[in-house]
């Protein structure tokens, strides 16, 4: 069995908003409403296969299987 490690690509909020067809402000508000502290203390939000984590004061967004499959 050939199992390769999954590489997660993190997008800046502005770039992710463009991919999703949202304004950066709308995406930021959505993420802030869904944000919860993760086990490592970083705030994280998950919405419809989109995962976002707040590094410092900036959101970084990754797209899950429904978006990349």
N, C-alpha and C. Protein backbone atom coordinates (compact mmCIF):
# COMPACT_ATOMS: atom_id res chain seq x y z
N UNK A 1 0.84 -1.18 0.00
CA UNK A 1 0.00 0.00 0.00
C UNK A 1 0.89 1.24 0.00
N UNK A 2 0.61 2.16 -0.88
CA UNK A 2 1.39 3.39 -1.00
C UNK A 2 0.67 4.51 -0.29
N UNK A 3 1.11 4.84 0.92
CA UNK A 3 0.47 5.92 1.65
C UNK A 3 1.42 7.10 1.75
N UNK A 4 1.00 8.19 1.16
CA UNK A 4 1.79 9.42 1.21
C UNK A 4 1.23 10.33 2.29
N UNK A 5 2.07 11.07 2.97
CA UNK A 5 1.55 12.00 3.96
C UNK A 5 0.72 13.09 3.27
N UNK A 6 -0.33 13.50 3.93
CA UNK A 6 -1.18 14.56 3.40
C UNK A 6 -0.54 15.90 3.69
N UNK A 7 -0.36 16.70 2.67
CA UNK A 7 0.21 18.03 2.82
C UNK A 7 -0.94 19.03 2.81
N UNK A 8 -1.05 19.79 3.86
CA UNK A 8 -2.12 20.78 3.98
C UNK A 8 -1.58 22.11 3.49
N UNK A 9 -2.29 22.70 2.55
CA UNK A 9 -1.91 24.03 2.07
C UNK A 9 -2.77 25.07 2.78
N UNK A 10 -2.14 26.03 3.35
CA UNK A 10 -2.83 27.11 4.06
C UNK A 10 -2.89 28.34 3.17
N UNK A 11 -4.08 28.89 3.01
CA UNK A 11 -4.30 30.09 2.21
C UNK A 11 -4.53 31.27 3.14
N UNK A 12 -4.10 32.44 2.72
CA UNK A 12 -4.43 33.67 3.45
C UNK A 12 -5.94 33.90 3.34
N UNK A 13 -6.51 34.60 4.29
CA UNK A 13 -7.94 34.84 4.32
C UNK A 13 -8.44 35.47 3.02
N UNK A 14 -7.73 36.45 2.53
CA UNK A 14 -8.14 37.15 1.31
C UNK A 14 -8.20 36.19 0.12
N UNK A 15 -7.18 35.34 0.00
CA UNK A 15 -7.13 34.38 -1.09
C UNK A 15 -8.22 33.32 -0.96
N UNK A 16 -8.45 32.83 0.25
CA UNK A 16 -9.50 31.84 0.50
C UNK A 16 -10.88 32.42 0.22
N UNK A 17 -11.09 33.68 0.61
CA UNK A 17 -12.37 34.32 0.35
C UNK A 17 -12.65 34.40 -1.15
N UNK A 18 -11.63 34.70 -1.92
CA UNK A 18 -11.79 34.77 -3.37
C UNK A 18 -12.16 33.39 -3.93
N UNK A 19 -11.51 32.34 -3.45
CA UNK A 19 -11.82 30.98 -3.89
C UNK A 19 -13.27 30.62 -3.57
N UNK A 20 -13.73 31.06 -2.39
CA UNK A 20 -15.09 30.74 -1.94
C UNK A 20 -16.15 31.68 -2.50
N UNK A 21 -15.73 32.73 -3.17
CA UNK A 21 -16.69 33.69 -3.72
C UNK A 21 -17.30 34.58 -2.66
N UNK A 22 -16.54 34.87 -1.61
CA UNK A 22 -16.99 35.74 -0.52
C UNK A 22 -16.07 36.94 -0.41
N UNK A 23 -16.54 37.96 0.27
CA UNK A 23 -15.64 39.06 0.58
C UNK A 23 -14.79 38.64 1.77
N UNK A 24 -13.60 39.19 1.90
CA UNK A 24 -12.78 38.84 3.07
C UNK A 24 -13.48 39.15 4.40
N UNK A 25 -14.22 40.23 4.45
CA UNK A 25 -14.95 40.59 5.67
C UNK A 25 -16.02 39.56 6.02
N UNK A 26 -16.74 39.07 5.01
CA UNK A 26 -17.78 38.07 5.25
C UNK A 26 -17.17 36.76 5.75
N UNK A 27 -16.06 36.35 5.14
CA UNK A 27 -15.40 35.12 5.57
C UNK A 27 -14.86 35.27 6.99
N UNK A 28 -14.27 36.41 7.28
CA UNK A 28 -13.73 36.66 8.62
C UNK A 28 -14.84 36.58 9.67
N UNK A 29 -15.98 37.19 9.39
CA UNK A 29 -17.10 37.15 10.33
C UNK A 29 -17.59 35.73 10.55
N UNK A 30 -17.69 34.96 9.47
CA UNK A 30 -18.12 33.57 9.58
C UNK A 30 -17.15 32.77 10.45
N UNK A 31 -15.86 32.95 10.22
CA UNK A 31 -14.87 32.22 11.00
C UNK A 31 -14.89 32.64 12.46
N UNK A 32 -15.03 33.93 12.72
CA UNK A 32 -15.07 34.41 14.10
C UNK A 32 -16.27 33.83 14.85
N UNK A 33 -17.41 33.70 14.17
CA UNK A 33 -18.60 33.14 14.81
C UNK A 33 -18.42 31.66 15.14
N UNK A 34 -17.67 30.94 14.32
CA UNK A 34 -17.48 29.49 14.50
C UNK A 34 -16.22 29.13 15.28
N UNK A 35 -15.41 30.10 15.62
CA UNK A 35 -14.11 29.84 16.24
C UNK A 35 -14.24 29.26 17.64
N UNK A 36 -13.42 28.25 17.89
CA UNK A 36 -13.32 27.64 19.21
C UNK A 36 -11.84 27.30 19.45
N UNK A 37 -11.41 27.30 20.71
CA UNK A 37 -10.02 26.93 20.96
C UNK A 37 -9.80 25.45 20.66
N UNK A 38 -8.74 25.15 19.95
CA UNK A 38 -8.37 23.76 19.67
C UNK A 38 -7.55 23.22 20.84
N UNK A 39 -7.20 21.96 20.79
CA UNK A 39 -6.43 21.34 21.87
C UNK A 39 -5.10 22.03 22.12
N UNK A 40 -4.53 22.59 21.06
CA UNK A 40 -3.23 23.25 21.21
C UNK A 40 -3.36 24.73 21.59
N UNK A 41 -4.59 25.19 21.82
CA UNK A 41 -4.82 26.56 22.25
C UNK A 41 -5.04 27.56 21.13
N UNK A 42 -4.81 27.14 19.89
CA UNK A 42 -5.02 28.01 18.74
C UNK A 42 -6.51 28.00 18.39
N UNK A 43 -7.05 29.15 18.03
CA UNK A 43 -8.46 29.19 17.64
C UNK A 43 -8.63 28.58 16.26
N UNK A 44 -9.69 27.79 16.14
CA UNK A 44 -9.95 27.06 14.91
C UNK A 44 -11.44 27.13 14.59
N UNK A 45 -11.76 27.19 13.31
CA UNK A 45 -13.15 27.17 12.86
C UNK A 45 -13.27 26.18 11.71
N UNK A 46 -14.38 25.46 11.69
CA UNK A 46 -14.66 24.51 10.61
C UNK A 46 -16.05 24.79 10.06
N UNK A 47 -16.09 24.94 8.72
CA UNK A 47 -17.36 25.24 8.06
C UNK A 47 -17.39 24.50 6.72
N UNK A 48 -18.28 23.54 6.57
CA UNK A 48 -18.50 22.86 5.29
C UNK A 48 -17.21 22.42 4.59
N UNK A 49 -16.35 21.71 5.29
CA UNK A 49 -15.12 21.22 4.68
C UNK A 49 -13.99 22.23 4.60
N UNK A 50 -14.21 23.40 5.16
CA UNK A 50 -13.18 24.44 5.21
C UNK A 50 -12.70 24.53 6.66
N UNK A 51 -11.40 24.48 6.84
CA UNK A 51 -10.81 24.57 8.18
C UNK A 51 -9.95 25.82 8.23
N UNK A 52 -10.13 26.58 9.28
CA UNK A 52 -9.34 27.80 9.44
C UNK A 52 -8.73 27.82 10.83
N UNK A 53 -7.51 28.30 10.91
CA UNK A 53 -6.82 28.46 12.19
C UNK A 53 -6.25 29.86 12.26
N UNK A 54 -6.29 30.42 13.45
CA UNK A 54 -5.80 31.78 13.64
C UNK A 54 -4.38 31.73 14.17
N UNK A 55 -3.43 32.11 13.33
CA UNK A 55 -2.03 32.17 13.69
C UNK A 55 -1.70 33.63 13.95
N UNK A 56 -1.22 33.94 15.14
CA UNK A 56 -1.05 35.33 15.57
C UNK A 56 -2.41 36.00 15.46
N UNK A 57 -2.53 37.03 14.67
CA UNK A 57 -3.84 37.68 14.48
C UNK A 57 -4.37 37.46 13.08
N UNK A 58 -3.87 36.46 12.39
CA UNK A 58 -4.27 36.22 10.99
C UNK A 58 -4.88 34.84 10.83
N UNK A 59 -5.97 34.81 10.10
CA UNK A 59 -6.58 33.53 9.78
C UNK A 59 -5.86 32.90 8.60
N UNK A 60 -5.67 31.59 8.67
CA UNK A 60 -5.15 30.78 7.57
C UNK A 60 -6.20 29.71 7.31
N UNK A 61 -6.48 29.47 6.05
CA UNK A 61 -7.59 28.61 5.66
C UNK A 61 -7.08 27.44 4.82
N UNK A 62 -7.59 26.24 5.10
CA UNK A 62 -7.28 25.07 4.28
C UNK A 62 -8.60 24.46 3.82
N UNK A 63 -8.54 23.77 2.71
CA UNK A 63 -9.74 23.17 2.13
C UNK A 63 -9.65 21.66 2.24
N UNK A 64 -10.71 21.04 2.75
CA UNK A 64 -10.74 19.60 2.96
C UNK A 64 -11.15 18.84 1.72
N UNK A 65 -11.39 17.56 1.91
CA UNK A 65 -11.70 16.62 0.84
C UNK A 65 -12.82 17.10 -0.10
N UNK A 66 -13.93 17.64 0.40
CA UNK A 66 -14.97 18.09 -0.54
C UNK A 66 -14.47 19.13 -1.54
N UNK A 67 -13.46 19.89 -1.17
CA UNK A 67 -12.94 20.95 -2.04
C UNK A 67 -11.78 20.49 -2.90
N UNK A 68 -11.01 19.51 -2.41
CA UNK A 68 -9.80 19.11 -3.13
C UNK A 68 -9.92 17.75 -3.80
N UNK A 69 -10.95 16.98 -3.44
CA UNK A 69 -11.10 15.61 -3.93
C UNK A 69 -11.27 15.55 -5.40
